[in-house]
Amino acid sequence: MNDKPVIAAVGAGRMGVGLAHVFAYAGHEVQLLDVKERDADGFASLQARARSDIARTIGLMATLGRIDATDTDAILDRVTIYPLDRAAEALSDVPLIFEGVPEVLEAKERAFAITCKHASTDAIIASTTSTMMVDELAAFVAGRERFLNAHWLNPAFLIPLVELSVGSETAPDVVDSLKQTLEAVGKVPVVLQAKPGFVVPRIQALAMSEAARAVEDGIASPEEIDKAVRVGFGLRFAILGLIEFIDWGGNDILYYAGNYMKKAFDSDRFDVPAITEQYMKEGRNGLREGRGFYDYRDIDVDAYQLETLRKLIDLIDHLGLMAPPGGVTDPADSPAAKAGNPFLKS
C-alpha cells in the first residue's frame, strides 16, 4: 500500500502536468483537477492531451536512463484527471493542494474559490504563481495561515528549485511541512519573504534584458552572446552563487566595476547597492579579508576553494569543454567547436 500522501493540483495545463510528473515520479498518487467548463468531448480531449504530456516527460526520463522503461506505465497510472463537476472527489481529504492556473487574477480567484469549497479546512494550499504577491492571493483563501506561494521553475519536472514566498499570516509549521514534502520528492526549496519577483525571476529579468540590449546595441550576434553566457557566466554560476561569487572576486571589485559601468553607459541600471559600499567601509570585501557577505573565519578556506574548483572542473569536463594537456589536435574536438548550439541560428 502506498503510504505517501495524495497530492492535488488545480489546473490541468502545463504547470499541473509538470507537478503531476514530479509527484507521481516520486511515488505519490496525484489528483489533477481541470477547472474549465467543458462538455464530455472537451474534457476527453483535455484528459488525453494531459496524459500524453505526462507520458512524454516520463518517457524522456526512461530514454535518458533515469528509470526503467517498464516503470513508465506504473508512474502514469498514479495520475488521475478529474473534470470540474468532480471537484469534491478530487480535492476532499487531500493534505496538499497546488493551484496552477494562468497568471490572471480572476482565474486565480475562481480557482481558490473552487479549492476552498471542496478542500478540508486543514489542507495546505500553495499557489505556483510567478508574479503575484502571496498576501494578495491569500485574500481569496479561507484560512490564510495555511497558504503560501510555491514558485516552480520550468520545466518543473527537472529544475530542482522551488521558491517559497511566505505570507504575513502563513503558519511556520505549514512552511516546514511543505519544505519537507518538496525535499522528499527531490526538490530544493528556498524560503523567501514576500517581495516582487522572488529571487530567480528578479535576477533573471535583469540578465535577460541586458542580453537583449547587447543584441540591440550591436555588440555581437545572438549566437556569440549566448556562447559567452553559456561557457562563461552560466558555468560559474552553476557552481557558485552570485553572492558567493562577489566574495570570491571582492566586494570592492563590484563597487568599482559597477560605478565604471554606470558612468560608461550613463545609466542608473548599473547602480551599485548601498550594502556594497557599507561592507567596503567595514572591511568586508570577501575571501581575502575573511569576511564579506559570508563569514570565512572559521572554515578551511583552502579546502573550500579546492572543492569548489573541483566541481567546476568536473562540470566543464562533463560538457566537453576541458582542453586536454598539450592542446587540441582536431578542431572538431575543441571546446570552441562544442560551445555553441548547432540547432540555433539568428
Protein backbone atom coordinates (compact mmCIF):
# COMPACT_ATOMS: atom_id res chain seq x y z
CA MET A 1 0.00 0.00 0.00
CA ASN A 2 1.25 3.50 -0.85
CA ASP A 3 1.69 5.44 2.41
CA LYS A 4 2.70 8.68 0.69
CA PRO A 5 0.08 11.46 0.87
CA VAL A 6 -2.12 12.21 -2.11
CA ILE A 7 -1.31 15.48 -3.88
CA ALA A 8 -3.83 17.58 -5.81
CA ALA A 9 -3.21 20.17 -8.50
CA VAL A 10 -5.90 22.65 -9.51
CA GLY A 11 -5.49 23.37 -13.20
CA ALA A 12 -4.57 20.80 -15.83
CA GLY A 13 -2.33 22.95 -18.00
CA ARG A 14 1.46 22.99 -18.25
CA MET A 15 2.06 23.58 -14.53
CA GLY A 16 -0.44 20.97 -13.40
CA VAL A 17 1.08 18.44 -15.78
CA GLY A 18 4.58 19.25 -14.51
CA LEU A 19 3.50 18.80 -10.89
CA ALA A 20 1.77 15.53 -11.75
CA HIS A 21 5.05 14.23 -13.19
CA VAL A 22 7.09 15.32 -10.14
CA PHE A 23 4.87 13.73 -7.51
CA ALA A 24 3.86 10.62 -9.45
CA TYR A 25 7.54 10.01 -10.27
CA ALA A 26 8.25 10.22 -6.53
CA GLY A 27 5.54 7.66 -5.72
CA HIS A 28 2.57 9.87 -4.83
CA GLU A 29 -0.96 9.50 -6.11
CA VAL A 30 -1.85 12.73 -7.91
CA GLN A 31 -5.32 14.15 -8.50
CA LEU A 32 -5.29 16.70 -11.29
CA LEU A 33 -8.40 18.88 -11.49
CA ASP A 34 -9.45 20.59 -14.71
CA VAL A 35 -11.19 23.82 -13.67
CA LYS A 36 -12.54 24.84 -17.07
CA GLU A 37 -16.14 24.30 -18.05
CA ARG A 38 -16.13 21.64 -20.81
CA ASP A 39 -18.53 19.18 -22.34
CA ALA A 40 -17.70 15.47 -22.26
CA ASP A 41 -15.82 15.58 -25.56
CA GLY A 42 -13.85 18.63 -24.50
CA PHE A 43 -12.81 17.02 -21.25
CA ALA A 44 -11.86 13.78 -23.00
CA SER A 45 -9.62 15.80 -25.31
CA LEU A 46 -8.03 17.65 -22.39
CA GLN A 47 -7.54 14.41 -20.49
CA ALA A 48 -5.86 12.73 -23.44
CA ARG A 49 -3.59 15.71 -24.01
CA ALA A 50 -2.57 15.96 -20.35
CA ARG A 51 -1.85 12.24 -20.10
CA SER A 52 0.13 12.39 -23.32
CA ASP A 53 2.22 15.28 -21.98
CA ILE A 54 2.93 13.45 -18.72
CA ALA A 55 3.75 10.24 -20.59
CA ARG A 56 6.15 12.17 -22.83
CA THR A 57 8.17 13.63 -19.95
CA ILE A 58 8.19 10.31 -18.07
CA GLY A 59 9.30 8.64 -21.30
CA LEU A 60 12.12 11.17 -21.56
CA MET A 61 13.41 10.02 -18.17
CA ALA A 62 13.37 6.44 -19.45
CA THR A 63 15.12 7.42 -22.68
CA LEU A 64 17.85 9.14 -20.68
CA GLY A 65 18.25 6.09 -18.47
CA ARG A 66 16.87 7.63 -15.29
CA ILE A 67 14.15 5.00 -14.89
CA ASP A 68 13.41 1.60 -16.41
CA ALA A 69 11.03 1.82 -19.38
CA THR A 70 8.82 -0.79 -17.71
CA ASP A 71 8.13 1.67 -14.86
CA THR A 72 6.56 4.36 -17.03
CA ASP A 73 3.04 2.92 -17.00
CA ALA A 74 3.08 2.48 -13.22
CA ILE A 75 4.09 6.14 -12.76
CA LEU A 76 1.46 7.37 -15.20
CA ASP A 77 -1.22 5.25 -13.50
CA ARG A 78 -0.70 7.24 -10.30
CA VAL A 79 -2.23 10.31 -12.00
CA THR A 80 -5.99 10.75 -12.14
CA ILE A 81 -7.51 13.67 -14.05
CA TYR A 82 -10.88 14.98 -12.91
CA PRO A 83 -13.43 17.23 -14.64
CA LEU A 84 -14.77 20.26 -12.81
CA ASP A 85 -18.00 18.53 -11.77
CA ARG A 86 -15.92 16.05 -9.75
CA ALA A 87 -14.01 18.73 -7.85
CA ALA A 88 -15.19 17.43 -4.47
CA GLU A 89 -13.82 13.99 -5.26
CA ALA A 90 -10.52 15.43 -6.44
CA LEU A 91 -9.90 17.77 -3.50
CA SER A 92 -11.57 16.45 -0.36
CA ASP A 93 -9.25 14.85 2.21
CA VAL A 94 -6.14 15.84 0.23
CA PRO A 95 -3.47 17.31 2.56
CA LEU A 96 -1.58 19.39 -0.05
CA ILE A 97 -3.13 21.26 -2.96
CA PHE A 98 -1.28 23.33 -5.57
CA GLU A 99 -3.04 25.99 -7.63
CA GLY A 100 -1.60 26.16 -11.14
CA VAL A 101 -3.98 28.19 -13.32
CA PRO A 102 -2.84 31.03 -15.65
CA GLU A 103 -1.47 34.31 -14.25
CA VAL A 104 -4.78 36.15 -14.38
CA LEU A 105 -6.17 37.43 -11.07
CA GLU A 106 -9.75 36.47 -11.88
CA ALA A 107 -8.66 32.94 -12.79
CA LYS A 108 -6.74 32.66 -9.51
CA GLU A 109 -9.72 33.91 -7.51
CA ARG A 110 -12.02 31.37 -9.17
CA ALA A 111 -9.54 28.53 -8.64
CA PHE A 112 -9.22 29.32 -4.93
CA ALA A 113 -13.00 29.55 -4.54
CA ILE A 114 -13.32 26.05 -6.02
CA THR A 115 -10.46 24.79 -3.88
CA CYS A 116 -11.71 26.21 -0.58
CA LYS A 117 -15.23 24.97 -1.25
CA HIS A 118 -14.13 21.35 -1.50
CA ALA A 119 -10.82 21.03 0.37
CA SER A 120 -10.56 20.08 4.01
CA THR A 121 -10.02 23.02 6.36
CA ASP A 122 -6.52 21.88 7.30
CA ALA A 123 -5.23 21.24 3.78
CA ILE A 124 -2.13 23.25 2.83
CA ILE A 125 -2.82 25.37 -0.25
CA ALA A 126 0.04 26.72 -2.36
CA SER A 127 -0.07 28.91 -5.45
CA THR A 128 2.51 28.34 -8.18
CA THR A 129 2.31 31.96 -9.32
CA SER A 130 5.46 33.50 -10.72
CA THR A 131 4.27 37.10 -10.44
CA MET A 132 1.57 37.71 -7.82
CA MET A 133 2.22 38.62 -4.20
CA VAL A 134 1.31 36.00 -1.64
CA ASP A 135 -0.81 38.29 0.55
CA GLU A 136 -2.76 39.49 -2.47
CA LEU A 137 -3.74 35.92 -3.27
CA ALA A 138 -4.27 35.00 0.39
CA ALA A 139 -7.33 37.24 0.34
CA PHE A 140 -9.03 34.55 -1.75
CA VAL A 141 -8.19 31.71 0.65
CA ALA A 142 -10.22 30.64 3.67
CA GLY A 143 -7.66 30.08 6.40
CA ARG A 144 -4.73 32.28 5.35
CA GLU A 145 -2.40 30.59 7.82
CA ARG A 146 -2.30 27.52 5.56
CA PHE A 147 -1.47 29.43 2.38
CA LEU A 148 1.80 30.42 0.68
CA ASN A 149 3.32 30.72 -2.78
CA ALA A 150 5.44 27.91 -4.21
CA HIS A 151 7.12 29.12 -7.40
CA TRP A 152 8.45 26.29 -9.56
CA LEU A 153 10.88 26.91 -12.40
CA ASN A 154 10.06 25.38 -15.77
CA PRO A 155 10.46 22.65 -16.67
CA ALA A 156 9.04 21.81 -13.24
CA PHE A 157 9.78 18.12 -13.59
CA LEU A 158 13.52 18.83 -13.99
CA ILE A 159 14.59 22.02 -12.22
CA PRO A 160 15.20 21.33 -8.50
CA LEU A 161 14.46 24.82 -7.16
CA VAL A 162 11.10 25.79 -5.66
CA GLU A 163 10.86 29.33 -4.21
CA LEU A 164 8.54 29.52 -1.19
CA SER A 165 7.18 33.01 -0.61
CA VAL A 166 5.73 33.24 2.88
CA GLY A 167 2.69 35.39 3.62
CA SER A 168 2.23 37.64 6.64
CA GLU A 169 -0.21 35.11 8.11
CA THR A 170 1.39 31.85 6.93
CA ALA A 171 1.94 29.49 9.86
CA PRO A 172 5.57 28.36 10.37
CA ASP A 173 4.52 24.69 10.58
CA VAL A 174 2.90 24.99 7.15
CA VAL A 175 6.19 26.24 5.68
CA ASP A 176 8.10 23.42 7.38
CA SER A 177 5.62 20.79 6.19
CA LEU A 178 5.76 21.94 2.57
CA LYS A 179 9.57 22.12 2.68
CA GLN A 180 9.77 18.55 3.93
CA THR A 181 7.39 17.31 1.25
CA LEU A 182 9.32 19.06 -1.51
CA GLU A 183 12.66 17.81 -0.24
CA ALA A 184 11.27 14.27 -0.15
CA VAL A 185 10.49 14.42 -3.88
CA GLY A 186 13.97 15.73 -4.71
CA LYS A 187 13.31 19.46 -4.85
CA VAL A 188 15.38 22.21 -3.23
CA PRO A 189 13.05 24.72 -1.57
CA VAL A 190 14.25 28.18 -0.51
CA VAL A 191 12.17 30.30 1.86
CA LEU A 192 11.70 33.96 0.96
CA GLN A 193 9.94 36.95 2.37
CA ALA A 194 7.16 38.30 0.18
CA LYS A 195 8.76 40.64 -2.36
CA PRO A 196 8.00 41.08 -6.07
CA GLY A 197 9.93 38.76 -8.38
CA PHE A 198 11.05 36.17 -5.81
CA VAL A 199 14.84 35.62 -6.34
CA VAL A 200 15.34 33.93 -9.71
CA PRO A 201 12.80 35.96 -11.78
CA ARG A 202 14.15 39.18 -10.24
CA ILE A 203 17.74 38.45 -11.28
CA GLN A 204 16.75 36.68 -14.48
CA ALA A 205 14.67 39.62 -15.76
CA LEU A 206 17.64 41.97 -15.48
CA ALA A 207 20.07 39.50 -17.05
CA MET A 208 17.77 38.72 -19.99
CA SER A 209 17.09 42.40 -20.63
CA GLU A 210 20.80 43.15 -20.64
CA ALA A 211 21.45 40.28 -23.07
CA ALA A 212 18.73 41.56 -25.41
CA ARG A 213 20.13 45.06 -25.07
CA ALA A 214 23.56 43.76 -26.10
CA VAL A 215 21.99 42.44 -29.33
CA GLU A 216 20.21 45.77 -29.80
CA ASP A 217 23.48 47.66 -29.33
CA GLY A 218 25.20 45.50 -31.93
CA ILE A 219 27.85 44.20 -29.54
CA ALA A 220 27.64 40.72 -31.05
CA SER A 221 25.25 38.27 -32.68
CA PRO A 222 22.79 36.33 -30.51
CA GLU A 223 24.93 33.21 -31.08
CA GLU A 224 28.09 34.89 -29.78
CA ILE A 225 26.31 36.43 -26.80
CA ASP A 226 24.75 33.11 -25.84
CA LYS A 227 28.08 31.35 -26.28
CA ALA A 228 29.64 33.83 -23.86
CA VAL A 229 26.85 33.29 -21.35
CA ARG A 230 26.85 29.51 -21.76
CA VAL A 231 30.59 28.91 -21.29
CA GLY A 232 31.41 31.86 -19.01
CA PHE A 233 28.58 33.30 -16.97
CA GLY A 234 26.49 30.13 -16.76
CA LEU A 235 29.27 27.70 -15.91
CA ARG A 236 30.49 29.68 -12.94
CA PHE A 237 27.05 30.28 -11.50
CA ALA A 238 26.11 26.64 -11.75
CA ILE A 239 28.72 26.14 -9.02
CA LEU A 240 29.00 29.47 -7.20
CA GLY A 241 26.03 31.54 -6.07
CA LEU A 242 26.03 35.18 -7.16
CA ILE A 243 26.60 36.44 -3.63
CA GLU A 244 29.32 33.85 -3.10
CA PHE A 245 30.95 34.99 -6.35
CA ILE A 246 31.05 38.59 -5.09
CA ASP A 247 33.06 37.37 -2.11
CA TRP A 248 35.46 35.43 -4.36
CA GLY A 249 36.24 38.44 -6.52
CA GLY A 250 35.91 41.07 -3.83
CA ASN A 251 33.07 43.31 -2.82
CA ASP A 252 35.22 46.32 -3.69
CA ILE A 253 35.61 44.99 -7.25
CA LEU A 254 31.84 45.03 -7.64
CA TYR A 255 31.73 48.58 -6.29
CA TYR A 256 34.32 49.95 -8.70
CA ALA A 257 33.16 47.93 -11.72
CA GLY A 258 29.54 48.87 -11.17
CA ASN A 259 30.33 52.55 -10.90
CA TYR A 260 32.51 52.39 -14.01
CA MET A 261 29.67 50.73 -15.96
CA LYS A 262 27.19 53.30 -14.70
CA LYS A 263 29.39 56.11 -15.99
CA ALA A 264 30.31 54.37 -19.26
CA PHE A 265 26.68 53.65 -20.14
CA ASP A 266 25.32 56.80 -18.49
CA SER A 267 22.62 54.61 -16.97
CA ASP A 268 21.29 54.08 -13.47
CA ARG A 269 20.69 50.41 -14.28
CA PHE A 270 24.27 49.79 -13.13
CA ASP A 271 23.74 51.46 -9.74
CA VAL A 272 25.65 49.57 -7.05
CA PRO A 273 23.54 48.78 -3.98
CA ALA A 274 24.32 50.68 -0.78
CA ILE A 275 25.21 47.47 1.05
CA THR A 276 28.30 47.18 -1.17
CA GLU A 277 29.77 50.49 -0.02
CA GLN A 278 28.77 49.73 3.57
CA TYR A 279 30.66 46.43 3.52
CA MET A 280 33.71 48.11 1.97
CA LYS A 281 33.85 50.58 4.85
CA GLU A 282 33.56 47.69 7.32
CA GLY A 283 36.45 45.81 5.70
CA ARG A 284 34.15 43.04 4.49
CA ASN A 285 35.45 42.54 0.97
CA GLY A 286 35.22 38.78 0.83
CA LEU A 287 37.57 35.82 0.98
CA ARG A 288 40.82 37.75 1.14
CA GLU A 289 39.68 39.57 4.29
CA GLY A 290 37.91 36.61 5.85
CA ARG A 291 34.51 38.29 5.71
CA GLY A 292 32.17 39.54 3.04
CA PHE A 293 28.54 38.60 2.65
CA TYR A 294 29.67 35.31 4.24
CA ASP A 295 31.98 34.77 7.21
CA TYR A 296 35.02 32.63 6.31
CA ARG A 297 36.98 33.00 9.55
CA ASP A 298 36.02 29.62 10.99
CA ILE A 299 36.33 27.46 7.86
CA ASP A 300 39.20 25.87 5.97
CA VAL A 301 39.29 28.34 3.08
CA ASP A 302 41.84 26.33 1.08
CA ALA A 303 39.68 23.19 1.26
CA TYR A 304 36.55 25.17 0.38
CA GLN A 305 38.22 26.74 -2.67
CA LEU A 306 39.68 23.43 -3.80
CA GLU A 307 36.31 21.65 -3.60
CA THR A 308 34.61 24.49 -5.48
CA LEU A 309 37.19 24.35 -8.26
CA ARG A 310 36.87 20.56 -8.42
CA LYS A 311 33.14 20.90 -9.05
CA LEU A 312 33.78 23.49 -11.74
CA ILE A 313 36.40 21.29 -13.44
CA ASP A 314 34.02 18.30 -13.33
CA LEU A 315 31.25 20.36 -14.94
CA ILE A 316 33.50 21.79 -17.66
CA ASP A 317 34.86 18.32 -18.40
CA HIS A 318 31.35 16.79 -18.47
CA LEU A 319 30.32 19.35 -21.09
CA GLY A 320 33.33 18.53 -23.23
CA LEU A 321 34.84 21.97 -22.70
CA MET A 322 38.03 20.93 -20.92
CA ALA A 323 41.07 21.12 -23.20
CA PRO A 324 43.48 18.15 -22.95
CA PRO A 325 47.13 18.58 -21.90
CA GLY A 326 49.15 19.66 -24.90
CA GLY A 327 46.24 21.35 -26.62
CA VAL A 328 43.73 20.24 -29.24
CA THR A 329 44.84 18.37 -32.36
CA ASP A 330 41.42 18.00 -34.05
CA PRO A 331 39.48 21.30 -34.31
CA ALA A 332 36.21 19.33 -34.30
CA ASP A 333 37.02 18.17 -30.76
CA SER A 334 37.94 21.61 -29.45
CA PRO A 335 35.96 23.37 -26.73
CA ALA A 336 35.25 26.16 -29.23
CA ALA A 337 33.51 23.66 -31.52
CA LYS A 338 31.34 22.43 -28.66
CA ALA A 339 30.49 25.78 -27.10
CA GLY A 340 27.69 26.87 -29.42
CA ASN A 341 24.27 25.41 -30.15
CA PRO A 342 24.23 23.91 -33.67
CA PHE A 343 20.40 23.93 -33.74
CA LEU A 344 20.05 27.70 -33.37
CA LYS A 345 20.77 30.47 -35.85
CA SER A 346 19.50 34.02 -35.67
